[in-house]
């Protein structure tokens, strides 16, 4: 398993659970949701490496190409590259807090 921040790992889990694994991020809604999740993490002060995000995505069930694409999106967001997406919002306003709570619960259960 990759050594991602637990909150970032929860965000990747959300992305993987909501994406169509057959088409990965070629669908505008799936791409928009993933980019929004990554932007929200970055805005909240979390850092991540694209390759780690992609690897975690593959560990959670994305195809090899889906994991690569997620990693590329994550790297672009991490480096401040503009990514055109369909307008959202695709996620709840309090999603980062939800990820924090889930990460805390996971840490207490292990």
Protein backbone atom coordinates (compact mmCIF):
# COMPACT_ATOMS: atom_id res chain seq x y z
CA UNK A 1 0.00 0.00 0.00
CA UNK A 2 1.10 3.54 -0.65
CA UNK A 3 1.94 5.89 2.21
CA UNK A 4 -0.70 8.54 1.49
CA UNK A 5 -2.07 10.90 4.08
CA UNK A 6 -5.17 9.12 5.46
CA UNK A 7 -7.45 11.96 4.37
CA UNK A 8 -6.06 11.85 0.83
CA UNK A 9 -6.54 8.07 0.87
CA UNK A 10 -10.20 8.57 1.80
CA UNK A 11 -10.61 10.98 -1.10
CA UNK A 12 -9.10 8.45 -3.50
CA UNK A 13 -11.48 5.84 -2.13
CA UNK A 14 -14.42 8.16 -2.88
CA UNK A 15 -13.15 8.73 -6.41
CA UNK A 16 -12.73 5.01 -7.05
CA UNK A 17 -16.14 4.14 -5.60
CA UNK A 18 -17.92 6.71 -7.77
CA UNK A 19 -16.10 6.38 -11.10
CA UNK A 20 -17.31 4.11 -13.89
CA UNK A 21 -14.39 1.69 -13.95
CA UNK A 22 -15.01 0.76 -17.58
CA UNK A 23 -14.61 4.29 -18.90
CA UNK A 24 -12.56 5.72 -16.00
CA UNK A 25 -12.10 9.45 -16.42
CA UNK A 26 -13.12 9.77 -20.05
CA UNK A 27 -16.66 10.64 -18.93
CA UNK A 28 -16.92 14.36 -18.05
CA UNK A 29 -18.76 13.78 -14.78
CA UNK A 30 -16.21 11.23 -13.53
CA UNK A 31 -13.33 13.48 -14.53
CA UNK A 32 -15.01 16.52 -12.98
CA UNK A 33 -15.66 14.72 -9.70
CA UNK A 34 -12.08 13.47 -9.48
CA UNK A 35 -10.57 16.86 -10.26
CA UNK A 36 -12.90 18.56 -7.79
CA UNK A 37 -11.91 16.09 -5.07
CA UNK A 38 -8.23 16.70 -5.71
CA UNK A 39 -8.70 20.47 -5.80
CA UNK A 40 -10.60 20.38 -2.51
CA UNK A 41 -7.74 18.45 -0.92
CA UNK A 42 -5.19 20.92 -2.20
CA UNK A 43 -7.28 23.90 -1.05
CA UNK A 44 -7.49 22.33 2.43
CA UNK A 45 -3.69 22.12 2.58
CA UNK A 46 -3.16 18.45 1.76
CA UNK A 47 -0.26 17.48 -0.47
CA UNK A 48 0.04 14.42 -2.65
CA UNK A 49 2.09 12.95 -5.46
CA UNK A 50 0.33 11.92 -8.63
CA UNK A 51 1.96 8.50 -8.77
CA UNK A 52 0.85 7.72 -5.20
CA UNK A 53 -2.73 8.70 -5.93
CA UNK A 54 -2.74 6.60 -9.10
CA UNK A 55 -1.21 3.62 -7.33
CA UNK A 56 -3.79 3.81 -4.53
CA UNK A 57 -6.51 4.00 -7.17
CA UNK A 58 -5.22 0.78 -8.73
CA UNK A 59 -4.99 -0.87 -5.29
CA UNK A 60 -8.66 0.02 -4.78
CA UNK A 61 -9.81 -1.41 -8.09
CA UNK A 62 -9.08 0.94 -10.96
CA UNK A 63 -7.64 -0.59 -14.10
CA UNK A 64 -4.00 0.07 -14.88
CA UNK A 65 -4.96 2.79 -17.37
CA UNK A 66 -7.52 4.27 -14.97
CA UNK A 67 -4.88 4.46 -12.25
CA UNK A 68 -2.44 6.12 -14.61
CA UNK A 69 -5.05 8.66 -15.66
CA UNK A 70 -5.97 9.41 -12.03
CA UNK A 71 -2.29 9.84 -11.22
CA UNK A 72 -1.88 12.26 -14.12
CA UNK A 73 -4.89 14.30 -12.98
CA UNK A 74 -3.53 14.35 -9.42
CA UNK A 75 -0.09 15.50 -10.57
CA UNK A 76 -1.62 18.33 -12.58
CA UNK A 77 -3.77 19.48 -9.66
CA UNK A 78 -0.83 19.21 -7.24
CA UNK A 79 1.26 21.42 -9.53
CA UNK A 80 -1.50 23.96 -10.15
CA UNK A 81 -2.11 23.07 -13.79
CA UNK A 82 -5.53 24.15 -15.02
CA UNK A 83 -7.75 21.23 -16.02
CA UNK A 84 -10.93 21.94 -17.93
CA UNK A 85 -13.92 20.10 -16.52
CA UNK A 86 -17.67 20.27 -16.67
CA UNK A 87 -19.03 22.71 -14.10
CA UNK A 88 -19.90 21.17 -10.75
CA UNK A 89 -20.10 20.99 -7.88
CA UNK A 90 -19.89 17.22 -7.91
CA UNK A 91 -19.22 16.78 -4.21
CA UNK A 92 -20.83 17.90 -0.97
CA UNK A 93 -19.56 21.15 0.45
CA UNK A 94 -18.31 19.41 3.61
CA UNK A 95 -16.59 16.52 1.82
CA UNK A 96 -13.11 17.21 3.22
CA UNK A 97 -14.52 17.07 6.75
CA UNK A 98 -16.23 13.80 5.84
CA UNK A 99 -12.89 12.40 4.66
CA UNK A 100 -11.21 13.60 7.88
CA UNK A 101 -13.86 11.86 9.99
CA UNK A 102 -13.55 8.63 7.99
CA UNK A 103 -9.75 8.71 8.28
CA UNK A 104 -9.99 9.19 12.05
CA UNK A 105 -12.46 6.33 12.37
CA UNK A 106 -10.19 4.07 10.33
CA UNK A 107 -7.20 4.92 12.52
CA UNK A 108 -9.18 4.10 15.67
CA UNK A 109 -10.24 0.75 14.23
CA UNK A 110 -6.71 -0.41 13.46
